[in-house]
Amino acid sequence: MLDAIRERVWLGRVLIRVVVEEPYSIGKQEYLLQANRLTYLPLYLPEILRYFQPFIDHNSDGQWWFEYENTPLSISRPIGLLFDQYIKPNSSTPWVIKLRRGDQPNALLLDLNNIESLKTVWVNAFKESAYIRDGNAKAVMSLSKEDQEILWQSFTDAHAKNTLQEFWTRMGQLLAKTKTRSTNWSVPVRVYDAEVRGKTSQLYAPSTKVNTLGEAVVSHGILLPQDLTLGEIYFGLVYPDGFLHLVCRKEENSKYKIQR
């Protein structure tokens, strides 16, 4: 059962329509993208720019960024998390986002065009989640550079579908000791309010029930059953950075389906 959940999460996709308009291009241009929920928008930028290459002004200054309804999209949050934050329940797909150019908004912090900075953020989050979970980051720190690189490449290859085993062979080893402990660990959780689009991070016990976090709690496009505990869902729904990312909404009767 756990393997089946992990596979469905791994294969989750979001259909996105990327739009670029004047003055950044010749007229309005669109690109339809089937994006992996677990990965990040910057990793699709080269593919998107190749498509728009005949239409964009290559002499313009500034860097690219993505926005939705005039709000810059965070570079360091997974695509699936962004979708769950910004798209209202039962909204039709594809998700329409705009590609903008110029001085990047301060809110983005990271350079969309610098993948190494994104990788550094992931590594730091991976260490932080291990510290929260186990009280130290020894397991992560003891990983070889090769294993760290395999973990990173397994979910950042934008079109990869056959890397689930590569990721979970190594991630499973990191979580093996945690899984045998019933209560003596903390669940690495980041909770996001869909209304204010902010986040909170704190320590949660494995016995914490979903219904204590909000009326409707979503992860990976799934409306989570209210009586489940965080300890029960963590090992199936954990993101590649080691965190359980949860979006809280007010719509109790919303229906979510993970997209494949």
C-alpha atoms as a PDB file:
ATOM      1  CA  MET A   1       0.000   0.000   0.000  1.00  0.00           C
ATOM      2  CA  LEU A   2       2.783   2.435   0.933  1.00  0.00           C
ATOM      3  CA  ASP A   3       4.641   1.726  -2.311  1.00  0.00           C
ATOM      4  CA  ALA A   4       1.472   2.411  -4.313  1.00  0.00           C
ATOM      5  CA  ILE A   5       0.965   5.774  -2.568  1.00  0.00           C
ATOM      6  CA  ARG A   6       4.558   6.770  -3.202  1.00  0.00           C
ATOM      7  CA  GLU A   7       4.243   5.866  -6.869  1.00  0.00           C
ATOM      8  CA  ARG A   8       1.104   7.935  -7.323  1.00  0.00           C
ATOM      9  CA  VAL A   9       2.735  10.892  -5.595  1.00  0.00           C
ATOM     10  CA  TRP A  10       5.862  10.485  -7.725  1.00  0.00           C
ATOM     11  CA  LEU A  11       3.864  10.479 -10.963  1.00  0.00           C
ATOM     12  CA  GLY A  12       1.653  13.442  -9.990  1.00  0.00           C
ATOM     13  CA  ARG A  13       1.523  16.135 -12.669  1.00  0.00           C
ATOM     14  CA  VAL A  14       0.120  19.654 -13.051  1.00  0.00           C
ATOM     15  CA  LEU A  15      -0.997  20.939 -16.448  1.00  0.00           C
ATOM     16  CA  ILE A  16       0.293  24.504 -16.844  1.00  0.00           C
ATOM     17  CA  ARG A  17      -0.233  27.063 -19.597  1.00  0.00           C
ATOM     18  CA  VAL A  18       2.748  29.423 -19.588  1.00  0.00           C
ATOM     19  CA  VAL A  19       1.961  32.795 -21.181  1.00  0.00           C
ATOM     20  CA  VAL A  20       4.401  35.484 -22.306  1.00  0.00           C
ATOM     21  CA  GLU A  21       3.116  38.817 -23.588  1.00  0.00           C
ATOM     22  CA  GLU A  22       4.373  42.126 -24.934  1.00  0.00           C
ATOM     23  CA  PRO A  23       6.711  43.832 -24.226  1.00  0.00           C
ATOM     24  CA  TYR A  24       8.563  40.594 -23.499  1.00  0.00           C
ATOM     25  CA  SER A  25       7.556  38.922 -26.750  1.00  0.00           C
ATOM     26  CA  ILE A  26       6.065  39.489 -30.171  1.00  0.00           C
ATOM     27  CA  GLY A  27       2.381  39.347 -29.328  1.00  0.00           C
ATOM     28  CA  LYS A  28       0.936  36.866 -26.860  1.00  0.00           C
ATOM     29  CA  GLN A  29       2.509  33.411 -26.906  1.00  0.00           C
ATOM     30  CA  GLU A  30       1.558  30.296 -24.955  1.00  0.00           C
ATOM     31  CA  TYR A  31       3.239  27.024 -24.053  1.00  0.00           C
ATOM     32  CA  LEU A  32       1.454  24.007 -22.569  1.00  0.00           C
ATOM     33  CA  LEU A  33       3.502  22.192 -19.959  1.00  0.00           C
ATOM     34  CA  GLN A  34       2.850  18.991 -18.036  1.00  0.00           C
ATOM     35  CA  ALA A  35       4.931  19.613 -14.944  1.00  0.00           C
ATOM     36  CA  ASN A  36       6.066  17.191 -12.270  1.00  0.00           C
ATOM     37  CA  ARG A  37       4.486  18.154  -8.939  1.00  0.00           C
ATOM     38  CA  LEU A  38       7.620  17.313  -6.948  1.00  0.00           C
ATOM     39  CA  THR A  39      10.051  19.485  -8.857  1.00  0.00           C
ATOM     40  CA  TYR A  40      10.530  23.236  -9.323  1.00  0.00           C
ATOM     41  CA  LEU A  41       9.602  25.828 -11.940  1.00  0.00           C
ATOM     42  CA  PRO A  42      13.199  26.962 -12.665  1.00  0.00           C
ATOM     43  CA  LEU A  43      14.004  23.509 -14.025  1.00  0.00           C
ATOM     44  CA  TYR A  44      11.486  24.004 -16.836  1.00  0.00           C
ATOM     45  CA  LEU A  45      12.755  27.444 -17.840  1.00  0.00           C
ATOM     46  CA  PRO A  46      15.242  26.232 -20.505  1.00  0.00           C
ATOM     47  CA  GLU A  47      12.521  24.145 -22.175  1.00  0.00           C
ATOM     48  CA  ILE A  48      10.058  27.052 -22.086  1.00  0.00           C
ATOM     49  CA  LEU A  49      12.570  29.559 -23.459  1.00  0.00           C
ATOM     50  CA  ARG A  50      13.512  27.211 -26.313  1.00  0.00           C
ATOM     51  CA  TYR A  51       9.874  27.175 -27.364  1.00  0.00           C
ATOM     52  CA  PHE A  52       9.498  30.952 -27.072  1.00  0.00           C
ATOM     53  CA  GLN A  53      12.891  31.638 -28.683  1.00  0.00           C
ATOM     54  CA  PRO A  54      11.509  32.892 -32.047  1.00  0.00           C
ATOM     55  CA  PHE A  55       9.160  35.343 -30.300  1.00  0.00           C
ATOM     56  CA  ILE A  56      11.052  36.877 -27.371  1.00  0.00           C
ATOM     57  CA  ASP A  57      13.272  39.961 -27.388  1.00  0.00           C
ATOM     58  CA  HIS A  58      16.781  38.673 -26.737  1.00  0.00           C
ATOM     59  CA  ASN A  59      18.169  42.187 -26.352  1.00  0.00           C
ATOM     60  CA  SER A  60      16.065  43.039 -23.302  1.00  0.00           C
ATOM     61  CA  ASP A  61      17.757  43.321 -19.938  1.00  0.00           C
ATOM     62  CA  GLY A  62      16.711  41.556 -16.780  1.00  0.00           C
ATOM     63  CA  GLN A  63      15.958  38.025 -15.708  1.00  0.00           C
ATOM     64  CA  TRP A  64      12.892  35.846 -16.012  1.00  0.00           C
ATOM     65  CA  TRP A  65      10.384  34.973 -13.326  1.00  0.00           C
ATOM     66  CA  PHE A  66       6.898  33.447 -13.102  1.00  0.00           C
ATOM     67  CA  GLU A  67       3.815  35.074 -11.644  1.00  0.00           C
ATOM     68  CA  TYR A  68       0.186  34.206 -11.024  1.00  0.00           C
ATOM     69  CA  GLU A  69      -2.429  36.961 -10.716  1.00  0.00           C
ATOM     70  CA  ASN A  70       0.309  39.590 -10.253  1.00  0.00           C
ATOM     71  CA  THR A  71       1.980  37.581  -7.493  1.00  0.00           C
ATOM     72  CA  PRO A  72       5.542  36.308  -8.085  1.00  0.00           C
ATOM     73  CA  LEU A  73       5.736  32.534  -7.673  1.00  0.00           C
ATOM     74  CA  SER A  74       8.287  31.267  -5.179  1.00  0.00           C
ATOM     75  CA  ILE A  75      11.221  29.617  -6.887  1.00  0.00           C
ATOM     76  CA  SER A  76      12.028  27.341  -3.949  1.00  0.00           C
ATOM     77  CA  ARG A  77       8.581  25.791  -3.437  1.00  0.00           C
ATOM     78  CA  PRO A  78       7.654  22.630  -5.364  1.00  0.00           C
ATOM     79  CA  ILE A  79       5.234  23.061  -8.255  1.00  0.00           C
ATOM     80  CA  GLY A  80       2.575  20.870  -6.672  1.00  0.00           C
ATOM     81  CA  LEU A  81       2.676  22.902  -3.476  1.00  0.00           C
ATOM     82  CA  LEU A  82       2.300  26.168  -5.424  1.00  0.00           C
ATOM     83  CA  PHE A  83      -0.662  24.730  -7.312  1.00  0.00           C
ATOM     84  CA  ASP A  84      -2.384  23.650  -4.091  1.00  0.00           C
ATOM     85  CA  GLN A  85      -1.765  27.090  -2.572  1.00  0.00           C
ATOM     86  CA  TYR A  86      -3.014  29.255  -5.410  1.00  0.00           C
ATOM     87  CA  ILE A  87      -5.697  27.289  -7.224  1.00  0.00           C
ATOM     88  CA  LYS A  88      -9.153  27.215  -5.709  1.00  0.00           C
ATOM     89  CA  PRO A  89     -10.955  23.892  -5.299  1.00  0.00           C
ATOM     90  CA  ASN A  90     -12.677  22.515  -8.399  1.00  0.00           C
ATOM     91  CA  SER A  91     -10.956  25.058 -10.640  1.00  0.00           C
ATOM     92  CA  SER A  92     -10.458  23.829 -14.170  1.00  0.00           C
ATOM     93  CA  THR A  93      -6.981  23.156 -15.471  1.00  0.00           C
ATOM     94  CA  PRO A  94      -4.624  24.101 -16.989  1.00  0.00           C
ATOM     95  CA  TRP A  95      -3.141  26.521 -14.508  1.00  0.00           C
ATOM     96  CA  VAL A  96      -2.318  29.753 -16.349  1.00  0.00           C
ATOM     97  CA  ILE A  97       0.848  31.514 -15.199  1.00  0.00           C
ATOM     98  CA  LYS A  98       2.813  34.333 -16.822  1.00  0.00           C
ATOM     99  CA  LEU A  99       6.477  34.547 -17.678  1.00  0.00           C
ATOM    100  CA  ARG A 100       7.858  37.999 -16.872  1.00  0.00           C
ATOM    101  CA  ARG A 101      11.214  39.676 -17.428  1.00  0.00           C
ATOM    102  CA  GLY A 102      13.165  42.441 -15.709  1.00  0.00           C
ATOM    103  CA  ASP A 103      14.452  43.029 -12.208  1.00  0.00           C
ATOM    104  CA  GLN A 104      13.226  40.111 -10.148  1.00  0.00           C
ATOM    105  CA  PRO A 105      10.896  40.990  -7.252  1.00  0.00           C
ATOM    106  CA  ASN A 106      12.603  40.925  -3.860  1.00  0.00           C
ATOM    107  CA  ALA A 107      10.051  38.379  -2.693  1.00  0.00           C
ATOM    108  CA  LEU A 108      11.647  35.707  -4.885  1.00  0.00           C
ATOM    109  CA  LEU A 109      15.001  35.887  -3.097  1.00  0.00           C
ATOM    110  CA  LEU A 110      16.531  33.251  -5.384  1.00  0.00           C
ATOM    111  CA  ASP A 111      17.658  33.738  -8.959  1.00  0.00           C
ATOM    112  CA  LEU A 112      15.361  31.763 -11.252  1.00  0.00           C
ATOM    113  CA  ASN A 113      18.223  31.373 -13.715  1.00  0.00           C
ATOM    114  CA  ASN A 114      20.682  29.902 -11.169  1.00  0.00           C
ATOM    115  CA  ILE A 115      19.935  26.225 -10.579  1.00  0.00           C
ATOM    116  CA  GLU A 116      22.857  25.809  -8.186  1.00  0.00           C
ATOM    117  CA  SER A 117      21.236  28.244  -5.732  1.00  0.00           C
ATOM    118  CA  LEU A 118      18.036  26.177  -5.876  1.00  0.00           C
ATOM    119  CA  LYS A 119      20.033  23.013  -5.214  1.00  0.00           C
ATOM    120  CA  THR A 120      21.636  24.666  -2.175  1.00  0.00           C
ATOM    121  CA  VAL A 121      18.196  25.532  -0.789  1.00  0.00           C
ATOM    122  CA  TRP A 122      17.088  21.923  -1.243  1.00  0.00           C
ATOM    123  CA  VAL A 123      20.187  20.555   0.502  1.00  0.00           C
ATOM    124  CA  ASN A 124      19.671  22.905   3.453  1.00  0.00           C
ATOM    125  CA  ALA A 125      15.980  21.955   3.723  1.00  0.00           C
ATOM    126  CA  PHE A 126      16.928  18.275   3.516  1.00  0.00           C
ATOM    127  CA  LYS A 127      19.314  18.716   6.455  1.00  0.00           C
ATOM    128  CA  GLU A 128      16.775  20.772   8.418  1.00  0.00           C
ATOM    129  CA  SER A 129      14.041  18.170   8.015  1.00  0.00           C
ATOM    130  CA  ALA A 130      16.416  15.437   9.211  1.00  0.00           C
ATOM    131  CA  TYR A 131      17.330  17.502  12.263  1.00  0.00           C
ATOM    132  CA  ILE A 132      13.651  18.043  13.132  1.00  0.00           C
ATOM    133  CA  ARG A 133      12.831  14.389  12.558  1.00  0.00           C
ATOM    134  CA  ASP A 134      15.742  12.709  14.321  1.00  0.00           C
ATOM    135  CA  GLY A 135      17.224  15.423  16.533  1.00  0.00           C
ATOM    136  CA  ASN A 136      20.351  15.550  14.379  1.00  0.00           C
ATOM    137  CA  ALA A 137      21.359  15.531  10.706  1.00  0.00           C
ATOM    138  CA  LYS A 138      23.971  12.768  10.981  1.00  0.00           C
ATOM    139  CA  ALA A 139      22.216  10.482   8.499  1.00  0.00           C
ATOM    140  CA  VAL A 140      22.146  13.172   5.828  1.00  0.00           C
ATOM    141  CA  MET A 141      25.653  14.406   6.573  1.00  0.00           C
ATOM    142  CA  SER A 142      26.980  10.869   6.176  1.00  0.00           C
ATOM    143  CA  LEU A 143      25.577  10.544   2.655  1.00  0.00           C
ATOM    144  CA  SER A 144      28.219  10.417  -0.038  1.00  0.00           C
ATOM    145  CA  LYS A 145      28.302  13.188  -2.638  1.00  0.00           C
ATOM    146  CA  GLU A 146      27.243  10.586  -5.178  1.00  0.00           C
ATOM    147  CA  ASP A 147      24.143   9.644  -3.174  1.00  0.00           C
ATOM    148  CA  GLN A 148      23.226  13.303  -2.647  1.00  0.00           C
ATOM    149  CA  GLU A 149      23.543  13.910  -6.370  1.00  0.00           C
ATOM    150  CA  ILE A 150      21.416  10.860  -7.198  1.00  0.00           C
ATOM    151  CA  LEU A 151      18.713  12.066  -4.803  1.00  0.00           C
ATOM    152  CA  TRP A 152      18.723  15.521  -6.403  1.00  0.00           C
ATOM    153  CA  GLN A 153      18.749  14.264  -9.980  1.00  0.00           C
ATOM    154  CA  SER A 154      16.033  11.683  -9.358  1.00  0.00           C
ATOM    155  CA  PHE A 155      13.264  14.241  -8.859  1.00  0.00           C
ATOM    156  CA  THR A 156      14.682  17.270 -10.692  1.00  0.00           C
ATOM    157  CA  ASP A 157      14.897  15.562 -14.056  1.00  0.00           C
ATOM    158  CA  ALA A 158      11.778  17.325 -15.324  1.00  0.00           C
ATOM    159  CA  HIS A 159      10.492  14.397 -17.359  1.00  0.00           C
ATOM    160  CA  ALA A 160      11.782  11.490 -15.298  1.00  0.00           C
ATOM    161  CA  LYS A 161       9.261   8.807 -14.430  1.00  0.00           C
ATOM    162  CA  ASN A 162      11.526   5.855 -13.725  1.00  0.00           C
ATOM    163  CA  THR A 163      13.625   7.257 -10.898  1.00  0.00           C
ATOM    164  CA  LEU A 164      11.277   6.425  -8.033  1.00  0.00           C
ATOM    165  CA  GLN A 165      13.334   3.418  -6.950  1.00  0.00           C
ATOM    166  CA  GLU A 166      16.604   5.386  -7.088  1.00  0.00           C
ATOM    167  CA  PHE A 167      15.141   8.021  -4.772  1.00  0.00           C
ATOM    168  CA  TRP A 168      13.363   5.761  -2.320  1.00  0.00           C
ATOM    169  CA  THR A 169      16.250   3.296  -2.014  1.00  0.00           C
ATOM    170  CA  ARG A 170      18.271   6.094  -0.449  1.00  0.00           C
ATOM    171  CA  MET A 171      15.443   7.997   1.233  1.00  0.00           C
ATOM    172  CA  GLY A 172      14.119   4.768   2.695  1.00  0.00           C
ATOM    173  CA  GLN A 173      17.471   4.111   4.332  1.00  0.00           C
ATOM    174  CA  LEU A 174      17.397   7.555   5.938  1.00  0.00           C
ATOM    175  CA  LEU A 175      13.875   6.990   7.285  1.00  0.00           C
ATOM    176  CA  ALA A 176      14.345   3.386   8.377  1.00  0.00           C
ATOM    177  CA  LYS A 177      15.242   4.157  11.996  1.00  0.00           C
ATOM    178  CA  THR A 178      12.583   6.839  12.287  1.00  0.00           C
ATOM    179  CA  LYS A 179       9.895   4.435  11.091  1.00  0.00           C
ATOM    180  CA  THR A 180      10.627   1.974  13.891  1.00  0.00           C
ATOM    181  CA  ARG A 181      10.039   4.617  16.562  1.00  0.00           C
ATOM    182  CA  SER A 182       6.403   5.069  17.517  1.00  0.00           C
ATOM    183  CA  THR A 183       6.548   8.416  19.341  1.00  0.00           C
ATOM    184  CA  ASN A 184      10.155   9.464  19.923  1.00  0.00           C
ATOM    185  CA  TRP A 185      10.468  11.686  16.872  1.00  0.00           C
ATOM    186  CA  SER A 186       8.996  14.871  15.395  1.00  0.00           C
ATOM    187  CA  VAL A 187       7.313  15.184  12.005  1.00  0.00           C
ATOM    188  CA  PRO A 188       8.967  17.830   9.775  1.00  0.00           C
ATOM    189  CA  VAL A 189       5.934  19.833   8.671  1.00  0.00           C
ATOM    190  CA  ARG A 190       5.432  23.141   6.908  1.00  0.00           C
ATOM    191  CA  VAL A 191       1.861  24.394   6.974  1.00  0.00           C
ATOM    192  CA  TYR A 192       0.619  26.956   4.454  1.00  0.00           C
ATOM    193  CA  ASP A 193      -2.548  29.031   4.691  1.00  0.00           C
ATOM    194  CA  ALA A 194      -4.163  29.195   1.254  1.00  0.00           C
ATOM    195  CA  GLU A 195      -5.843  32.507   2.100  1.00  0.00           C
ATOM    196  CA  VAL A 196      -2.769  34.495   3.155  1.00  0.00           C
ATOM    197  CA  ARG A 197      -0.296  32.239   1.325  1.00  0.00           C
ATOM    198  CA  GLY A 198       2.164  32.333   4.174  1.00  0.00           C
ATOM    199  CA  LYS A 199       3.719  29.408   5.976  1.00  0.00           C
ATOM    200  CA  THR A 200       4.453  28.270   9.487  1.00  0.00           C
ATOM    201  CA  SER A 201       7.006  25.693  10.604  1.00  0.00           C
ATOM    202  CA  GLN A 202       6.895  24.000  13.962  1.00  0.00           C
ATOM    203  CA  LEU A 203       7.371  20.652  15.640  1.00  0.00           C
ATOM    204  CA  TYR A 204       4.493  18.204  15.449  1.00  0.00           C
ATOM    205  CA  ALA A 205       4.165  14.888  17.227  1.00  0.00           C
ATOM    206  CA  PRO A 206       3.427  11.828  15.044  1.00  0.00           C
ATOM    207  CA  SER A 207       0.102  11.467  16.870  1.00  0.00           C
ATOM    208  CA  THR A 208      -1.101  14.930  15.737  1.00  0.00           C
ATOM    209  CA  LYS A 209      -4.313  14.542  13.753  1.00  0.00           C
ATOM    210  CA  VAL A 210      -4.941  16.302  10.461  1.00  0.00           C
ATOM    211  CA  ASN A 211      -8.142  17.894  11.786  1.00  0.00           C
ATOM    212  CA  THR A 212      -6.155  19.971  14.283  1.00  0.00           C
ATOM    213  CA  LEU A 213      -4.499  21.896  11.432  1.00  0.00           C
ATOM    214  CA  GLY A 214      -7.532  23.156   9.516  1.00  0.00           C
ATOM    215  CA  GLU A 215     -10.938  22.477   8.000  1.00  0.00           C
ATOM    216  CA  ALA A 216      -9.517  21.140   4.734  1.00  0.00           C
ATOM    217  CA  VAL A 217      -5.899  20.053   4.554  1.00  0.00           C
ATOM    218  CA  VAL A 218      -4.354  19.284   1.175  1.00  0.00           C
ATOM    219  CA  SER A 219      -1.092  17.650   0.165  1.00  0.00           C
ATOM    220  CA  HIS A 220      -0.105  16.577  -3.359  1.00  0.00           C
ATOM    221  CA  GLY A 221      -3.542  17.616  -4.560  1.00  0.00           C
ATOM    222  CA  ILE A 222      -5.205  15.221  -2.101  1.00  0.00           C
ATOM    223  CA  LEU A 223      -7.779  16.267   0.474  1.00  0.00           C
ATOM    224  CA  LEU A 224      -6.536  14.377   3.525  1.00  0.00           C
ATOM    225  CA  PRO A 225      -8.920  12.418   5.779  1.00  0.00           C
ATOM    226  CA  GLN A 226      -9.355  14.359   9.001  1.00  0.00           C
ATOM    227  CA  ASP A 227      -8.793  11.418  11.343  1.00  0.00           C
ATOM    228  CA  LEU A 228      -5.364  10.455  10.008  1.00  0.00           C
ATOM    229  CA  THR A 229      -2.273  11.346  12.018  1.00  0.00           C
ATOM    230  CA  LEU A 230       0.810  13.108  10.648  1.00  0.00           C
ATOM    231  CA  GLY A 231       2.889  10.071  11.546  1.00  0.00           C
ATOM    232  CA  GLU A 232       0.672   7.885   9.370  1.00  0.00           C
ATOM    233  CA  ILE A 233       0.854  10.070   6.279  1.00  0.00           C
ATOM    234  CA  TYR A 234       4.465  11.247   6.518  1.00  0.00           C
ATOM    235  CA  PHE A 235       6.148   8.171   5.020  1.00  0.00           C
ATOM    236  CA  GLY A 236       3.920   8.213   1.957  1.00  0.00           C
ATOM    237  CA  LEU A 237       3.451  11.937   1.303  1.00  0.00           C
ATOM    238  CA  VAL A 238       6.849  13.348   2.299  1.00  0.00           C
ATOM    239  CA  TYR A 239       8.353  15.662  -0.328  1.00  0.00           C
ATOM    240  CA  PRO A 240      11.919  15.094  -1.592  1.00  0.00           C
ATOM    241  CA  ASP A 241      13.200  17.781   0.799  1.00  0.00           C
ATOM    242  CA  GLY A 242      12.082  15.654   3.747  1.00  0.00           C
ATOM    243  CA  PHE A 243       9.194  17.926   4.728  1.00  0.00           C
ATOM    244  CA  LEU A 244       5.484  17.247   4.768  1.00  0.00           C
ATOM    245  CA  HIS A 245       4.039  20.324   3.005  1.00  0.00           C
ATOM    246  CA  LEU A 246       0.380  20.903   3.918  1.00  0.00           C
ATOM    247  CA  VAL A 247      -1.996  23.562   2.561  1.00  0.00           C
ATOM    248  CA  CYS A 248      -4.951  24.513   4.762  1.00  0.00           C
ATOM    249  CA  ARG A 249      -8.198  25.686   3.176  1.00  0.00           C
ATOM    250  CA  LYS A 250     -11.630  26.588   4.493  1.00  0.00           C
ATOM    251  CA  GLU A 251     -13.601  24.549   1.974  1.00  0.00           C
ATOM    252  CA  GLU A 252     -14.528  21.393   3.835  1.00  0.00           C
ATOM    253  CA  ASN A 253     -16.255  19.681   0.919  1.00  0.00           C
ATOM    254  CA  SER A 254     -13.606  20.323  -1.701  1.00  0.00           C
ATOM    255  CA  LYS A 255     -12.788  17.365  -3.924  1.00  0.00           C
ATOM    256  CA  TYR A 256      -9.165  16.854  -4.906  1.00  0.00           C
ATOM    257  CA  LYS A 257      -7.632  14.236  -7.137  1.00  0.00           C
ATOM    258  CA  ILE A 258      -3.947  13.725  -7.682  1.00  0.00           C
ATOM    259  CA  GLN A 259      -3.206  14.396 -11.353  1.00  0.00           C
ATOM    260  CA  ARG A 260      -1.175  11.893 -13.348  1.00  0.00           C
END
